[in-house]
C-alpha atoms as a PDB file:
ATOM      1  CA  UNK A   1      -6.302 -60.219 -27.261  1.00  0.00           C
ATOM      2  CA  UNK A   2      -9.649 -58.807 -24.772  1.00  0.00           C
ATOM      3  CA  UNK A   3      -9.343 -57.170 -21.334  1.00  0.00           C
ATOM      4  CA  UNK A   4     -11.758 -55.696 -18.987  1.00  0.00           C
ATOM      5  CA  UNK A   5     -11.586 -53.447 -16.342  1.00  0.00           C
ATOM      6  CA  UNK A   6     -13.851 -52.173 -13.832  1.00  0.00           C
ATOM      7  CA  UNK A   7     -12.802 -48.431 -12.436  1.00  0.00           C
ATOM      8  CA  UNK A   8     -12.726 -47.662  -8.745  1.00  0.00           C
ATOM      9  CA  UNK A   9     -13.357 -43.759  -9.902  1.00  0.00           C
ATOM     10  CA  UNK A  10     -14.466 -41.795 -12.504  1.00  0.00           C
ATOM     11  CA  UNK A  11     -12.050 -42.472 -14.977  1.00  0.00           C
ATOM     12  CA  UNK A  12     -11.549 -41.556 -19.008  1.00  0.00           C
ATOM     13  CA  UNK A  13     -10.281 -44.025 -21.798  1.00  0.00           C
ATOM     14  CA  UNK A  14      -9.148 -43.682 -25.493  1.00  0.00           C
ATOM     15  CA  UNK A  15      -8.275 -46.632 -27.942  1.00  0.00           C
ATOM     16  CA  UNK A  16      -4.986 -46.271 -30.283  1.00  0.00           C
ATOM     17  CA  UNK A  17      -5.106 -48.617 -33.177  1.00  0.00           C
ATOM     18  CA  UNK A  18      -1.839 -50.792 -33.287  1.00  0.00           C
ATOM     19  CA  UNK A  19      -0.579 -49.125 -36.275  1.00  0.00           C
ATOM     20  CA  UNK A  20      -0.874 -45.681 -34.915  1.00  0.00           C
ATOM     21  CA  UNK A  21       1.171 -46.546 -31.522  1.00  0.00           C
ATOM     22  CA  UNK A  22       3.800 -48.193 -33.729  1.00  0.00           C
ATOM     23  CA  UNK A  23       3.670 -44.859 -35.813  1.00  0.00           C
ATOM     24  CA  UNK A  24       4.037 -42.721 -32.487  1.00  0.00           C
ATOM     25  CA  UNK A  25       6.625 -45.719 -31.000  1.00  0.00           C
ATOM     26  CA  UNK A  26       8.877 -44.908 -34.107  1.00  0.00           C
ATOM     27  CA  UNK A  27       8.558 -41.282 -34.216  1.00  0.00           C
ATOM     28  CA  UNK A  28       8.852 -40.123 -30.476  1.00  0.00           C
ATOM     29  CA  UNK A  29      12.144 -42.033 -28.881  1.00  0.00           C
ATOM     30  CA  UNK A  30      10.507 -40.571 -25.373  1.00  0.00           C
ATOM     31  CA  UNK A  31       7.287 -42.023 -25.714  1.00  0.00           C
ATOM     32  CA  UNK A  32       9.286 -45.423 -26.758  1.00  0.00           C
ATOM     33  CA  UNK A  33      11.569 -45.240 -23.325  1.00  0.00           C
ATOM     34  CA  UNK A  34       8.042 -44.734 -21.416  1.00  0.00           C
ATOM     35  CA  UNK A  35       6.613 -47.844 -22.813  1.00  0.00           C
ATOM     36  CA  UNK A  36       9.780 -50.020 -22.220  1.00  0.00           C
ATOM     37  CA  UNK A  37       9.999 -48.690 -18.713  1.00  0.00           C
ATOM     38  CA  UNK A  38       7.048 -49.788 -18.202  1.00  0.00           C
ATOM     39  CA  UNK A  39       6.889 -53.402 -19.632  1.00  0.00           C
ATOM     40  CA  UNK A  40      10.250 -53.990 -17.337  1.00  0.00           C
ATOM     41  CA  UNK A  41       8.882 -53.152 -14.155  1.00  0.00           C
ATOM     42  CA  UNK A  42       6.001 -55.294 -15.100  1.00  0.00           C
ATOM     43  CA  UNK A  43       8.309 -57.746 -15.737  1.00  0.00           C
ATOM     44  CA  UNK A  44       9.967 -57.379 -12.237  1.00  0.00           C
ATOM     45  CA  UNK A  45       6.717 -57.215 -10.699  1.00  0.00           C
ATOM     46  CA  UNK A  46       5.913 -60.589 -12.356  1.00  0.00           C
ATOM     47  CA  UNK A  47       8.950 -61.845 -11.673  1.00  0.00           C
ATOM     48  CA  UNK A  48       8.648 -60.949  -7.823  1.00  0.00           C
ATOM     49  CA  UNK A  49       5.088 -62.419  -7.687  1.00  0.00           C
ATOM     50  CA  UNK A  50       6.457 -66.072  -9.081  1.00  0.00           C
ATOM     51  CA  UNK A  51       9.281 -66.327  -7.191  1.00  0.00           C
ATOM     52  CA  UNK A  52       6.618 -65.565  -3.696  1.00  0.00           C
ATOM     53  CA  UNK A  53       4.183 -67.773  -4.801  1.00  0.00           C
ATOM     54  CA  UNK A  54       6.393 -70.744  -5.432  1.00  0.00           C
ATOM     55  CA  UNK A  55       8.580 -70.178  -2.120  1.00  0.00           C
ATOM     56  CA  UNK A  56       5.794 -69.324   0.796  1.00  0.00           C
ATOM     57  CA  UNK A  57       2.523 -71.152   2.067  1.00  0.00           C
ATOM     58  CA  UNK A  58      -1.123 -70.721   1.644  1.00  0.00           C
ATOM     59  CA  UNK A  59      -0.682 -68.790   4.698  1.00  0.00           C
ATOM     60  CA  UNK A  60       2.551 -65.951   3.599  1.00  0.00           C
ATOM     61  CA  UNK A  61       0.446 -66.134   0.113  1.00  0.00           C
ATOM     62  CA  UNK A  62      -2.634 -65.027   1.448  1.00  0.00           C
ATOM     63  CA  UNK A  63      -1.283 -62.395   3.321  1.00  0.00           C
ATOM     64  CA  UNK A  64       1.550 -61.511   0.214  1.00  0.00           C
ATOM     65  CA  UNK A  65      -1.657 -61.136  -1.542  1.00  0.00           C
ATOM     66  CA  UNK A  66      -3.613 -58.528   0.761  1.00  0.00           C
ATOM     67  CA  UNK A  67      -0.189 -56.680   1.153  1.00  0.00           C
ATOM     68  CA  UNK A  68      -0.077 -56.371  -2.661  1.00  0.00           C
ATOM     69  CA  UNK A  69      -3.855 -55.428  -2.813  1.00  0.00           C
ATOM     70  CA  UNK A  70      -2.950 -52.579   0.103  1.00  0.00           C
ATOM     71  CA  UNK A  71      -0.062 -51.126  -1.972  1.00  0.00           C
ATOM     72  CA  UNK A  72      -1.840 -51.011  -5.027  1.00  0.00           C
ATOM     73  CA  UNK A  73      -5.480 -49.570  -3.551  1.00  0.00           C
ATOM     74  CA  UNK A  74      -4.901 -49.220  -0.135  1.00  0.00           C
ATOM     75  CA  UNK A  75      -5.506 -45.713   1.891  1.00  0.00           C
ATOM     76  CA  UNK A  76      -2.662 -45.806   4.811  1.00  0.00           C
ATOM     77  CA  UNK A  77      -4.194 -44.276   7.696  1.00  0.00           C
ATOM     78  CA  UNK A  78      -1.774 -44.542  10.989  1.00  0.00           C
ATOM     79  CA  UNK A  79      -0.575 -47.709  11.671  1.00  0.00           C
ATOM     80  CA  UNK A  80      -2.881 -49.548   9.604  1.00  0.00           C
ATOM     81  CA  UNK A  81      -4.303 -49.362   5.682  1.00  0.00           C
ATOM     82  CA  UNK A  82      -7.806 -49.642   4.649  1.00  0.00           C
ATOM     83  CA  UNK A  83      -8.713 -51.237   1.405  1.00  0.00           C
ATOM     84  CA  UNK A  84     -11.558 -50.724  -0.211  1.00  0.00           C
ATOM     85  CA  UNK A  85     -13.941 -52.511  -2.555  1.00  0.00           C
ATOM     86  CA  UNK A  86     -12.915 -55.757  -0.725  1.00  0.00           C
ATOM     87  CA  UNK A  87     -12.515 -59.361  -2.731  1.00  0.00           C
ATOM     88  CA  UNK A  88     -14.199 -62.355  -1.298  1.00  0.00           C
ATOM     89  CA  UNK A  89     -12.916 -65.119   0.329  1.00  0.00           C
ATOM     90  CA  UNK A  90     -13.556 -66.860  -3.128  1.00  0.00           C
ATOM     91  CA  UNK A  91     -11.927 -64.421  -5.198  1.00  0.00           C
ATOM     92  CA  UNK A  92      -8.810 -64.116  -2.667  1.00  0.00           C
ATOM     93  CA  UNK A  93      -9.068 -68.436  -2.725  1.00  0.00           C
ATOM     94  CA  UNK A  94      -8.663 -68.605  -6.475  1.00  0.00           C
ATOM     95  CA  UNK A  95      -5.839 -66.076  -6.540  1.00  0.00           C
ATOM     96  CA  UNK A  96      -3.367 -67.798  -4.324  1.00  0.00           C
ATOM     97  CA  UNK A  97      -4.421 -71.478  -5.185  1.00  0.00           C
ATOM     98  CA  UNK A  98      -6.236 -72.580  -2.479  1.00  0.00           C
ATOM     99  CA  UNK A  99      -9.957 -73.584  -1.165  1.00  0.00           C
ATOM    100  CA  UNK A 100     -11.938 -71.013   0.183  1.00  0.00           C
ATOM    101  CA  UNK A 101     -12.450 -72.480   3.321  1.00  0.00           C
ATOM    102  CA  UNK A 102      -8.286 -72.179   3.872  1.00  0.00           C
ATOM    103  CA  UNK A 103      -8.852 -69.019   3.037  1.00  0.00           C
ATOM    104  CA  UNK A 104     -11.585 -68.250   5.648  1.00  0.00           C
ATOM    105  CA  UNK A 105      -9.238 -70.016   7.762  1.00  0.00           C
ATOM    106  CA  UNK A 106      -6.205 -67.967   7.310  1.00  0.00           C
ATOM    107  CA  UNK A 107      -8.303 -64.982   7.563  1.00  0.00           C
ATOM    108  CA  UNK A 108      -9.258 -65.543  11.024  1.00  0.00           C
ATOM    109  CA  UNK A 109      -5.592 -66.346  11.578  1.00  0.00           C
ATOM    110  CA  UNK A 110      -4.394 -63.347  10.583  1.00  0.00           C
ATOM    111  CA  UNK A 111      -6.689 -61.694  13.111  1.00  0.00           C
ATOM    112  CA  UNK A 112      -5.341 -63.594  15.581  1.00  0.00           C
ATOM    113  CA  UNK A 113      -1.983 -63.073  14.755  1.00  0.00           C
ATOM    114  CA  UNK A 114      -2.931 -58.819  14.677  1.00  0.00           C
ATOM    115  CA  UNK A 115      -1.845 -58.789  10.941  1.00  0.00           C
ATOM    116  CA  UNK A 116      -5.349 -57.938  10.174  1.00  0.00           C
ATOM    117  CA  UNK A 117      -7.628 -56.063  11.960  1.00  0.00           C
ATOM    118  CA  UNK A 118     -10.497 -56.549  10.430  1.00  0.00           C
ATOM    119  CA  UNK A 119     -12.460 -58.093   6.873  1.00  0.00           C
ATOM    120  CA  UNK A 120     -15.559 -57.030   5.809  1.00  0.00           C
ATOM    121  CA  UNK A 121     -17.577 -57.243   2.622  1.00  0.00           C
ATOM    122  CA  UNK A 122     -16.576 -53.910   2.204  1.00  0.00           C
ATOM    123  CA  UNK A 123     -13.408 -53.100   3.134  1.00  0.00           C
ATOM    124  CA  UNK A 124     -10.552 -54.847   4.625  1.00  0.00           C
ATOM    125  CA  UNK A 125      -7.966 -53.241   7.372  1.00  0.00           C
ATOM    126  CA  UNK A 126      -4.317 -54.369   7.336  1.00  0.00           C
ATOM    127  CA  UNK A 127      -1.932 -53.300   9.830  1.00  0.00           C
ATOM    128  CA  UNK A 128       1.414 -51.470   8.531  1.00  0.00           C
END
């Protein structure tokens, strides 16, 4: 597999080959335990997302995506959360599985319902 990543802050990375990784986890049970804990957490998180997407309507899925974004990269400020490097309506629509126009209408409704304070190209502000 391959992956692309964009870092929001200065980051240092290193590459570890598959063979060396296998050596590390077989010779160090602590590393293996941490890897397994990480895999289990990711699986639980994925199951939660799948459950929510199966049961929620477009409005609730959009709000859920924004709330998840707030958890991952938001900065809490009093009774609201700021999310910098906001995704576009198009990017959210692809995640939620609706049209960009639907996301735009939902953003407007979230503002009206006072769940969303502001949404600009650079920043989203959600009520905490």
